Amino acid sequence: ALEAEVEAEKHKPFARRADDADLNEHLKGVQRWGDPMAGKLGASKGAPARPKFRGPYPPNRFGIAPGYRWDGVDRSTGFERKWFQAQNERQAREHAAHMWSVEAM
């Protein structure tokens, strides 16, 4: 194993730069004394998963699902519904105009 490592090191350039992948991997693995993030990076499993809302809900411009405590009542001003309706009408109008323009081809 040591011989293979020495052989691999022989073929590397003498000057090591910041974009050297082997050097970066080596430096990432080094444990440093007093590193405040050392214990947090290895054992991190992310935030605890929150429950998701199950069931249908009205679409919105941003594709955000409602919170898991949502009771299913749409209390909006109706802007999102009107926005989607305008988008659909615009797409239908553009499609109809395109079909009309290529009708006689």
N, C-alpha and C. Protein backbone atom coordinates (compact mmCIF):
# COMPACT_ATOMS: atom_id res chain seq x y z
N ALA A 1 0.83 -1.18 0.00
CA ALA A 1 0.00 0.00 0.00
C ALA A 1 0.87 1.25 0.00
N LEU A 2 1.93 1.22 0.78
CA LEU A 2 2.83 2.37 0.85
C LEU A 2 3.55 2.57 -0.48
N GLU A 3 3.94 1.46 -1.10
CA GLU A 3 4.63 1.56 -2.39
C GLU A 3 3.73 2.17 -3.46
N ALA A 4 2.46 1.77 -3.46
CA ALA A 4 1.51 2.32 -4.43
C ALA A 4 1.30 3.81 -4.19
N GLU A 5 1.27 4.19 -2.94
CA GLU A 5 1.10 5.61 -2.59
C GLU A 5 2.31 6.42 -3.05
N VAL A 6 3.51 5.88 -2.83
CA VAL A 6 4.74 6.55 -3.26
C VAL A 6 4.76 6.66 -4.78
N GLU A 7 4.36 5.59 -5.47
CA GLU A 7 4.34 5.61 -6.93
C GLU A 7 3.35 6.66 -7.45
N ALA A 8 2.20 6.79 -6.79
CA ALA A 8 1.22 7.79 -7.20
C ALA A 8 1.75 9.20 -6.96
N GLU A 9 2.47 9.40 -5.87
CA GLU A 9 3.02 10.72 -5.56
C GLU A 9 4.13 11.10 -6.55
N LYS A 10 4.81 10.13 -7.10
CA LYS A 10 5.90 10.41 -8.04
C LYS A 10 5.40 11.13 -9.29
N HIS A 11 4.20 10.80 -9.70
CA HIS A 11 3.68 11.33 -10.95
C HIS A 11 2.90 12.64 -10.77
N LYS A 12 2.78 13.11 -9.56
CA LYS A 12 2.10 14.38 -9.32
C LYS A 12 3.08 15.52 -9.52
N PRO A 13 2.58 16.69 -9.91
CA PRO A 13 3.48 17.84 -10.07
C PRO A 13 4.03 18.29 -8.73
N PHE A 14 5.19 18.93 -8.79
CA PHE A 14 5.84 19.38 -7.56
C PHE A 14 5.09 20.55 -6.94
N ALA A 15 4.62 21.47 -7.79
CA ALA A 15 3.87 22.63 -7.30
C ALA A 15 2.41 22.23 -7.13
N ARG A 16 1.86 22.42 -5.93
CA ARG A 16 0.47 22.08 -5.65
C ARG A 16 -0.32 23.38 -5.58
N ARG A 17 -1.40 23.45 -6.34
CA ARG A 17 -2.22 24.67 -6.40
C ARG A 17 -3.54 24.45 -5.66
N ALA A 18 -4.32 25.51 -5.60
CA ALA A 18 -5.59 25.45 -4.87
C ALA A 18 -6.61 24.57 -5.58
N ASP A 19 -6.47 24.35 -6.88
CA ASP A 19 -7.43 23.53 -7.61
C ASP A 19 -7.02 22.05 -7.69
N ASP A 20 -6.02 21.65 -6.93
CA ASP A 20 -5.57 20.26 -6.90
C ASP A 20 -6.56 19.43 -6.09
N ALA A 21 -7.24 18.48 -6.74
CA ALA A 21 -8.30 17.71 -6.08
C ALA A 21 -7.75 16.82 -4.98
N ASP A 22 -6.60 16.18 -5.20
CA ASP A 22 -6.03 15.29 -4.19
C ASP A 22 -5.64 16.06 -2.92
N LEU A 23 -5.04 17.22 -3.11
CA LEU A 23 -4.64 18.03 -1.96
C LEU A 23 -5.88 18.51 -1.20
N ASN A 24 -6.91 18.92 -1.92
CA ASN A 24 -8.13 19.39 -1.26
C ASN A 24 -8.78 18.28 -0.45
N GLU A 25 -8.84 17.07 -1.01
CA GLU A 25 -9.42 15.95 -0.27
C GLU A 25 -8.60 15.63 0.98
N HIS A 26 -7.28 15.70 0.86
CA HIS A 26 -6.42 15.45 2.02
C HIS A 26 -6.66 16.50 3.11
N LEU A 27 -6.71 17.76 2.71
CA LEU A 27 -6.89 18.83 3.70
C LEU A 27 -8.27 18.79 4.34
N LYS A 28 -9.29 18.33 3.61
CA LYS A 28 -10.62 18.21 4.20
C LYS A 28 -10.65 17.14 5.29
N GLY A 29 -9.85 16.10 5.13
CA GLY A 29 -9.86 15.01 6.08
C GLY A 29 -9.03 15.23 7.32
N VAL A 30 -8.20 16.27 7.35
CA VAL A 30 -7.32 16.52 8.48
C VAL A 30 -8.12 17.05 9.66
N GLN A 31 -7.92 16.44 10.84
CA GLN A 31 -8.56 16.92 12.07
C GLN A 31 -7.68 18.00 12.69
N ARG A 32 -8.26 19.14 13.00
CA ARG A 32 -7.50 20.24 13.58
C ARG A 32 -7.98 20.50 15.00
N TRP A 33 -7.05 20.81 15.87
CA TRP A 33 -7.40 21.08 17.25
C TRP A 33 -8.14 22.42 17.32
N GLY A 34 -9.21 22.47 18.08
CA GLY A 34 -9.95 23.71 18.29
C GLY A 34 -10.90 24.04 17.16
N ASP A 35 -11.15 23.12 16.24
CA ASP A 35 -12.07 23.39 15.14
C ASP A 35 -13.50 23.34 15.66
N PRO A 36 -14.23 24.46 15.66
CA PRO A 36 -15.57 24.46 16.24
C PRO A 36 -16.59 23.67 15.43
N MET A 37 -16.36 23.47 14.15
CA MET A 37 -17.32 22.75 13.32
C MET A 37 -17.01 21.26 13.19
N ALA A 38 -15.91 20.80 13.78
CA ALA A 38 -15.50 19.40 13.60
C ALA A 38 -16.57 18.42 14.07
N GLY A 39 -17.20 18.68 15.17
CA GLY A 39 -18.21 17.76 15.67
C GLY A 39 -19.54 17.89 14.96
N LYS A 40 -19.78 19.01 14.34
CA LYS A 40 -21.07 19.24 13.71
C LYS A 40 -21.15 18.71 12.28
N LEU A 41 -20.04 18.73 11.55
CA LEU A 41 -20.07 18.33 10.15
C LEU A 41 -20.24 16.84 9.97
N GLY A 42 -19.61 16.04 10.78
CA GLY A 42 -19.67 14.60 10.58
C GLY A 42 -20.99 13.98 10.97
N ALA A 43 -21.58 14.42 12.06
CA ALA A 43 -22.78 13.76 12.58
C ALA A 43 -24.06 14.49 12.20
N SER A 44 -23.99 15.45 11.31
CA SER A 44 -25.17 16.24 10.98
C SER A 44 -26.15 15.42 10.15
N LYS A 45 -27.38 15.36 10.60
CA LYS A 45 -28.43 14.68 9.86
C LYS A 45 -29.49 15.66 9.42
N GLY A 46 -29.24 16.94 9.56
CA GLY A 46 -30.21 17.95 9.16
C GLY A 46 -31.24 18.20 10.24
N ALA A 47 -32.14 19.09 9.95
CA ALA A 47 -33.20 19.41 10.89
C ALA A 47 -34.20 18.26 10.94
N PRO A 48 -34.86 18.08 12.06
CA PRO A 48 -35.86 17.02 12.13
C PRO A 48 -36.99 17.30 11.13
N ALA A 49 -37.43 16.25 10.48
CA ALA A 49 -38.46 16.40 9.44
C ALA A 49 -39.79 16.76 10.08
N ARG A 50 -40.41 17.78 9.54
CA ARG A 50 -41.74 18.15 10.01
C ARG A 50 -42.77 17.38 9.21
N PRO A 51 -43.93 17.18 9.79
CA PRO A 51 -44.98 16.50 9.03
C PRO A 51 -45.44 17.37 7.86
N LYS A 52 -45.87 16.73 6.78
CA LYS A 52 -46.33 17.44 5.59
C LYS A 52 -47.85 17.44 5.57
N PHE A 53 -48.41 18.46 4.90
CA PHE A 53 -49.86 18.51 4.73
C PHE A 53 -50.25 17.45 3.72
N ARG A 54 -51.23 16.64 4.08
CA ARG A 54 -51.72 15.61 3.16
C ARG A 54 -53.07 16.04 2.65
N GLY A 55 -53.24 16.00 1.35
CA GLY A 55 -54.52 16.36 0.76
C GLY A 55 -54.33 17.40 -0.32
N PRO A 56 -55.40 17.66 -1.07
CA PRO A 56 -55.30 18.65 -2.15
C PRO A 56 -55.28 20.07 -1.60
N TYR A 57 -54.61 20.93 -2.33
CA TYR A 57 -54.59 22.34 -1.96
C TYR A 57 -54.48 23.17 -3.25
N PRO A 58 -54.96 24.40 -3.21
CA PRO A 58 -54.91 25.22 -4.43
C PRO A 58 -53.47 25.57 -4.80
N PRO A 59 -53.17 25.61 -6.08
CA PRO A 59 -51.81 25.94 -6.49
C PRO A 59 -51.49 27.41 -6.21
N ASN A 60 -50.20 27.69 -6.09
CA ASN A 60 -49.79 29.08 -5.94
C ASN A 60 -48.62 29.35 -6.87
N ARG A 61 -48.27 30.62 -7.05
CA ARG A 61 -47.23 31.01 -8.02
C ARG A 61 -45.88 30.40 -7.70
N PHE A 62 -45.62 30.10 -6.45
CA PHE A 62 -44.28 29.69 -6.04
C PHE A 62 -44.18 28.18 -5.81
N GLY A 63 -45.27 27.45 -5.92
CA GLY A 63 -45.24 26.01 -5.74
C GLY A 63 -45.00 25.60 -4.30
N ILE A 64 -45.38 26.43 -3.35
CA ILE A 64 -45.16 26.14 -1.94
C ILE A 64 -46.37 25.40 -1.38
N ALA A 65 -46.11 24.26 -0.75
CA ALA A 65 -47.19 23.50 -0.13
C ALA A 65 -47.59 24.17 1.18
N PRO A 66 -48.84 24.02 1.59
CA PRO A 66 -49.24 24.63 2.86
C PRO A 66 -48.60 23.91 4.04
N GLY A 67 -48.62 24.56 5.18
CA GLY A 67 -48.08 23.96 6.38
C GLY A 67 -48.94 22.80 6.85
N TYR A 68 -48.39 21.95 7.68
CA TYR A 68 -49.10 20.75 8.10
C TYR A 68 -50.28 21.07 9.02
N ARG A 69 -50.33 22.27 9.55
CA ARG A 69 -51.45 22.64 10.42
C ARG A 69 -52.59 23.33 9.67
N TRP A 70 -52.46 23.48 8.34
CA TRP A 70 -53.48 24.18 7.55
C TRP A 70 -54.79 23.41 7.60
N ASP A 71 -55.89 24.10 7.80
CA ASP A 71 -57.19 23.44 7.96
C ASP A 71 -57.93 23.26 6.64
N GLY A 72 -57.37 23.68 5.51
CA GLY A 72 -57.98 23.46 4.21
C GLY A 72 -58.89 24.58 3.75
N VAL A 73 -58.98 25.64 4.51
CA VAL A 73 -59.83 26.77 4.13
C VAL A 73 -58.98 27.80 3.40
N ASP A 74 -59.38 28.15 2.18
CA ASP A 74 -58.65 29.14 1.38
C ASP A 74 -59.09 30.54 1.81
N ARG A 75 -58.23 31.24 2.52
CA ARG A 75 -58.56 32.57 3.04
C ARG A 75 -57.92 33.68 2.22
N SER A 76 -57.53 33.37 0.98
CA SER A 76 -56.85 34.37 0.16
C SER A 76 -57.84 35.37 -0.42
N THR A 77 -57.31 36.38 -1.08
CA THR A 77 -58.14 37.38 -1.72
C THR A 77 -58.57 36.95 -3.12
N GLY A 78 -58.09 35.79 -3.57
CA GLY A 78 -58.42 35.30 -4.90
C GLY A 78 -57.42 35.73 -5.96
N PHE A 79 -56.35 36.41 -5.54
CA PHE A 79 -55.35 36.89 -6.50
C PHE A 79 -54.68 35.75 -7.22
N GLU A 80 -54.32 34.69 -6.51
CA GLU A 80 -53.63 33.56 -7.14
C GLU A 80 -54.52 32.91 -8.19
N ARG A 81 -55.80 32.73 -7.88
CA ARG A 81 -56.73 32.11 -8.82
C ARG A 81 -56.83 32.96 -10.08
N LYS A 82 -56.95 34.29 -9.89
CA LYS A 82 -57.03 35.19 -11.04
C LYS A 82 -55.72 35.18 -11.83
N TRP A 83 -54.60 35.08 -11.15
CA TRP A 83 -53.30 35.06 -11.81
C TRP A 83 -53.17 33.83 -12.69
N PHE A 84 -53.54 32.65 -12.13
CA PHE A 84 -53.49 31.42 -12.93
C PHE A 84 -54.46 31.48 -14.09
N GLN A 85 -55.63 32.06 -13.88
CA GLN A 85 -56.62 32.18 -14.96
C GLN A 85 -56.07 33.06 -16.08
N ALA A 86 -55.42 34.15 -15.73
CA ALA A 86 -54.84 35.04 -16.75
C ALA A 86 -53.71 34.33 -17.50
N GLN A 87 -52.89 33.56 -16.79
CA GLN A 87 -51.82 32.81 -17.45
C GLN A 87 -52.39 31.80 -18.44
N ASN A 88 -53.42 31.07 -18.02
CA ASN A 88 -54.03 30.08 -18.89
C ASN A 88 -54.68 30.73 -20.11
N GLU A 89 -55.36 31.85 -19.91
CA GLU A 89 -55.99 32.55 -21.04
C GLU A 89 -54.93 33.05 -22.01
N ARG A 90 -53.82 33.57 -21.50
CA ARG A 90 -52.75 34.06 -22.36
C ARG A 90 -52.15 32.93 -23.19
N GLN A 91 -51.91 31.79 -22.55
CA GLN A 91 -51.36 30.64 -23.28
C GLN A 91 -52.33 30.12 -24.32
N ALA A 92 -53.62 30.08 -23.98
CA ALA A 92 -54.62 29.63 -24.94
C ALA A 92 -54.71 30.59 -26.12
N ARG A 93 -54.64 31.89 -25.85
CA ARG A 93 -54.69 32.90 -26.92
C ARG A 93 -53.48 32.78 -27.83
N GLU A 94 -52.29 32.58 -27.22
CA GLU A 94 -51.07 32.43 -28.03
C GLU A 94 -51.14 31.16 -28.88
N HIS A 95 -51.66 30.08 -28.31
CA HIS A 95 -51.79 28.83 -29.05
C HIS A 95 -52.77 28.99 -30.21
N ALA A 96 -53.91 29.64 -29.94
CA ALA A 96 -54.90 29.85 -31.00
C ALA A 96 -54.33 30.73 -32.10
N ALA A 97 -53.57 31.76 -31.74
CA ALA A 97 -52.96 32.64 -32.75
C ALA A 97 -51.94 31.88 -33.59
N HIS A 98 -51.18 31.01 -32.95
CA HIS A 98 -50.19 30.22 -33.68
C HIS A 98 -50.90 29.26 -34.64
N MET A 99 -51.92 28.57 -34.16
CA MET A 99 -52.66 27.63 -35.01
C MET A 99 -53.32 28.35 -36.18
N TRP A 100 -53.81 29.57 -35.94
CA TRP A 100 -54.44 30.34 -37.01
C TRP A 100 -53.40 30.77 -38.04
N SER A 101 -52.19 31.12 -37.57
CA SER A 101 -51.16 31.60 -38.49
C SER A 101 -50.58 30.50 -39.35
N VAL A 102 -50.60 29.25 -38.89
CA VAL A 102 -50.05 28.16 -39.68
C VAL A 102 -51.13 27.30 -40.32
N GLU A 103 -52.37 27.78 -40.33
CA GLU A 103 -53.49 26.99 -40.82
C GLU A 103 -53.37 26.67 -42.31
N ALA A 104 -52.98 27.62 -43.12
CA ALA A 104 -52.96 27.43 -44.58
C ALA A 104 -51.63 26.89 -45.08
N MET A 105 -50.74 26.53 -44.23
CA MET A 105 -49.43 26.07 -44.70
C MET A 105 -49.48 24.68 -45.23
